[in-house]
């Protein structure tokens, strides 16, 4: 799985990485990092607000690491 392309990232009005790009980045890192780093990345996804995760949780997106 390829990670997000840096020049195509979107930013929200508050200066944070847009929810879809943040989720994609975390997911690509989880797939590529060592087992010792994965729990920290998964915890970061779990700390995303629920409304942001509901915007990005589609079969095509959440199935990328399967």
N, C-alpha and C. Protein backbone atom coordinates (compact mmCIF):
# COMPACT_ATOMS: atom_id res chain seq x y z
N UNK A 1 0.84 -1.18 0.00
CA UNK A 1 0.00 0.00 0.00
C UNK A 1 0.88 1.23 0.00
N UNK A 2 0.62 2.13 -0.90
CA UNK A 2 1.38 3.37 -0.97
C UNK A 2 0.80 4.39 0.00
N UNK A 3 1.67 5.17 0.60
CA UNK A 3 1.24 6.21 1.51
C UNK A 3 0.69 7.41 0.77
N UNK A 4 0.10 8.35 1.52
CA UNK A 4 -0.41 9.57 0.89
C UNK A 4 0.72 10.34 0.18
N UNK A 5 0.39 10.97 -0.92
CA UNK A 5 1.36 11.77 -1.66
C UNK A 5 1.45 13.13 -0.98
N UNK A 6 2.64 13.53 -0.49
CA UNK A 6 2.75 14.76 0.31
C UNK A 6 2.18 16.01 -0.34
N UNK A 7 2.33 16.17 -1.66
CA UNK A 7 1.86 17.40 -2.28
C UNK A 7 0.36 17.40 -2.54
N UNK A 8 -0.33 16.30 -2.25
CA UNK A 8 -1.77 16.27 -2.46
C UNK A 8 -2.55 16.24 -1.15
N UNK A 9 -1.88 16.47 -0.03
CA UNK A 9 -2.56 16.44 1.25
C UNK A 9 -3.47 17.65 1.41
N UNK A 10 -4.59 17.43 2.07
CA UNK A 10 -5.54 18.51 2.33
C UNK A 10 -5.47 18.90 3.80
N UNK A 11 -5.72 20.15 4.07
CA UNK A 11 -5.65 20.68 5.43
C UNK A 11 -7.01 21.27 5.80
N UNK A 12 -7.39 21.09 7.05
CA UNK A 12 -8.66 21.64 7.52
C UNK A 12 -8.49 23.12 7.86
N UNK A 13 -9.59 23.78 8.16
CA UNK A 13 -9.56 25.21 8.46
C UNK A 13 -8.73 25.53 9.70
N UNK A 14 -8.62 24.57 10.63
CA UNK A 14 -7.85 24.82 11.85
C UNK A 14 -6.37 24.48 11.71
N UNK A 15 -5.93 24.18 10.48
CA UNK A 15 -4.52 23.94 10.23
C UNK A 15 -4.08 22.50 10.43
N UNK A 16 -5.00 21.62 10.74
CA UNK A 16 -4.68 20.20 10.93
C UNK A 16 -4.82 19.46 9.60
N UNK A 17 -4.16 18.33 9.52
CA UNK A 17 -4.31 17.48 8.35
C UNK A 17 -5.76 17.03 8.25
N UNK A 18 -6.33 17.07 7.07
CA UNK A 18 -7.73 16.68 6.87
C UNK A 18 -7.95 15.24 7.36
N UNK A 19 -9.14 14.95 7.88
CA UNK A 19 -9.39 13.62 8.46
C UNK A 19 -9.06 12.46 7.53
N UNK A 20 -9.44 12.55 6.26
CA UNK A 20 -9.17 11.44 5.33
C UNK A 20 -7.67 11.23 5.17
N UNK A 21 -6.91 12.32 5.01
CA UNK A 21 -5.47 12.20 4.83
C UNK A 21 -4.79 11.73 6.11
N UNK A 22 -5.28 12.18 7.26
CA UNK A 22 -4.71 11.72 8.54
C UNK A 22 -4.95 10.23 8.70
N UNK A 23 -6.16 9.77 8.40
CA UNK A 23 -6.47 8.35 8.50
C UNK A 23 -5.62 7.54 7.53
N UNK A 24 -5.50 8.01 6.29
CA UNK A 24 -4.68 7.32 5.29
C UNK A 24 -3.23 7.23 5.74
N UNK A 25 -2.71 8.32 6.30
CA UNK A 25 -1.33 8.34 6.77
C UNK A 25 -1.13 7.34 7.90
N UNK A 26 -2.01 7.37 8.91
CA UNK A 26 -1.90 6.42 10.01
C UNK A 26 -2.00 4.99 9.50
N UNK A 27 -2.95 4.74 8.60
CA UNK A 27 -3.15 3.38 8.10
C UNK A 27 -1.93 2.89 7.32
N UNK A 28 -1.35 3.75 6.50
CA UNK A 28 -0.16 3.32 5.75
C UNK A 28 1.02 3.10 6.69
N UNK A 29 1.12 3.90 7.75
CA UNK A 29 2.20 3.70 8.73
C UNK A 29 2.00 2.40 9.51
N UNK A 30 0.76 2.09 9.88
CA UNK A 30 0.49 0.85 10.61
C UNK A 30 0.92 -0.35 9.76
N UNK A 31 0.64 -0.29 8.47
CA UNK A 31 0.99 -1.41 7.58
C UNK A 31 2.49 -1.57 7.40
N UNK A 32 3.24 -0.49 7.54
CA UNK A 32 4.66 -0.55 7.23
C UNK A 32 5.59 -0.54 8.45
N UNK A 33 5.08 -0.19 9.61
CA UNK A 33 5.93 -0.09 10.79
C UNK A 33 6.11 -1.43 11.48
N UNK A 34 7.08 -1.48 12.38
CA UNK A 34 7.35 -2.69 13.15
C UNK A 34 6.21 -2.96 14.12
N UNK A 35 6.14 -4.19 14.58
CA UNK A 35 5.09 -4.57 15.53
C UNK A 35 5.17 -3.77 16.81
N UNK A 36 6.34 -3.32 17.18
CA UNK A 36 6.47 -2.54 18.42
C UNK A 36 5.92 -1.12 18.26
N UNK A 37 5.92 -0.59 17.03
CA UNK A 37 5.40 0.76 16.78
C UNK A 37 3.91 0.76 16.45
N UNK A 38 3.38 -0.35 15.99
CA UNK A 38 1.99 -0.40 15.55
C UNK A 38 0.98 -0.03 16.64
N UNK A 39 1.12 -0.49 17.89
CA UNK A 39 0.12 -0.11 18.91
C UNK A 39 0.00 1.41 19.12
N UNK A 40 1.10 2.13 19.03
CA UNK A 40 1.04 3.58 19.18
C UNK A 40 0.27 4.22 18.04
N UNK A 41 0.49 3.74 16.83
CA UNK A 41 -0.22 4.27 15.67
C UNK A 41 -1.71 3.93 15.73
N UNK A 42 -2.02 2.72 16.16
CA UNK A 42 -3.42 2.32 16.30
C UNK A 42 -4.09 3.18 17.36
N UNK A 43 -3.39 3.47 18.45
CA UNK A 43 -3.94 4.34 19.49
C UNK A 43 -4.21 5.74 18.94
N UNK A 44 -3.36 6.22 18.05
CA UNK A 44 -3.58 7.54 17.44
C UNK A 44 -4.86 7.53 16.60
N UNK A 45 -5.10 6.45 15.87
CA UNK A 45 -6.35 6.33 15.10
C UNK A 45 -7.54 6.30 16.06
N UNK A 46 -7.39 5.56 17.16
CA UNK A 46 -8.49 5.45 18.12
C UNK A 46 -8.81 6.78 18.78
N UNK A 47 -7.85 7.70 18.81
CA UNK A 47 -8.08 9.02 19.42
C UNK A 47 -8.67 10.04 18.46
N UNK A 48 -8.82 9.65 17.19
CA UNK A 48 -9.49 10.55 16.24
C UNK A 48 -10.94 10.67 16.65
N UNK A 49 -11.50 11.87 16.58
CA UNK A 49 -12.92 12.03 16.94
C UNK A 49 -13.81 11.14 16.09
N UNK A 50 -14.86 10.62 16.69
CA UNK A 50 -15.76 9.68 16.02
C UNK A 50 -16.33 10.24 14.73
N UNK A 51 -16.69 11.52 14.72
CA UNK A 51 -17.26 12.09 13.50
C UNK A 51 -16.26 12.09 12.36
N UNK A 52 -14.95 12.20 12.66
CA UNK A 52 -13.94 12.14 11.61
C UNK A 52 -13.80 10.72 11.08
N UNK A 53 -13.82 9.74 11.96
CA UNK A 53 -13.70 8.36 11.52
C UNK A 53 -14.91 7.92 10.71
N UNK A 54 -16.09 8.40 11.08
CA UNK A 54 -17.28 8.01 10.34
C UNK A 54 -17.24 8.58 8.93
N UNK A 55 -16.54 9.70 8.71
CA UNK A 55 -16.41 10.28 7.38
C UNK A 55 -15.50 9.43 6.48
N UNK A 56 -14.54 8.72 7.08
CA UNK A 56 -13.55 8.00 6.27
C UNK A 56 -13.72 6.49 6.30
N UNK A 57 -14.65 5.98 7.09
CA UNK A 57 -14.77 4.52 7.22
C UNK A 57 -15.67 3.95 6.15
N UNK A 58 -15.07 3.65 5.03
CA UNK A 58 -15.77 2.96 3.94
C UNK A 58 -15.01 1.68 3.65
N UNK A 59 -15.65 0.75 3.02
CA UNK A 59 -15.00 -0.53 2.72
C UNK A 59 -13.72 -0.36 1.95
N UNK A 60 -13.69 0.57 1.01
CA UNK A 60 -12.51 0.77 0.20
C UNK A 60 -11.34 1.33 0.98
N UNK A 61 -11.64 2.16 1.97
CA UNK A 61 -10.56 2.78 2.76
C UNK A 61 -10.12 1.85 3.87
N UNK A 62 -11.07 1.33 4.65
CA UNK A 62 -10.70 0.51 5.80
C UNK A 62 -10.18 -0.86 5.41
N UNK A 63 -10.40 -1.28 4.19
CA UNK A 63 -9.93 -2.59 3.76
C UNK A 63 -8.54 -2.59 3.14
N UNK A 64 -7.87 -1.45 3.15
CA UNK A 64 -6.57 -1.36 2.47
C UNK A 64 -5.50 -2.25 3.11
N UNK A 65 -5.52 -2.42 4.41
CA UNK A 65 -4.49 -3.22 5.07
C UNK A 65 -4.89 -4.69 5.20
N UNK A 66 -6.09 -5.03 4.85
CA UNK A 66 -6.58 -6.41 5.02
C UNK A 66 -5.86 -7.36 4.09
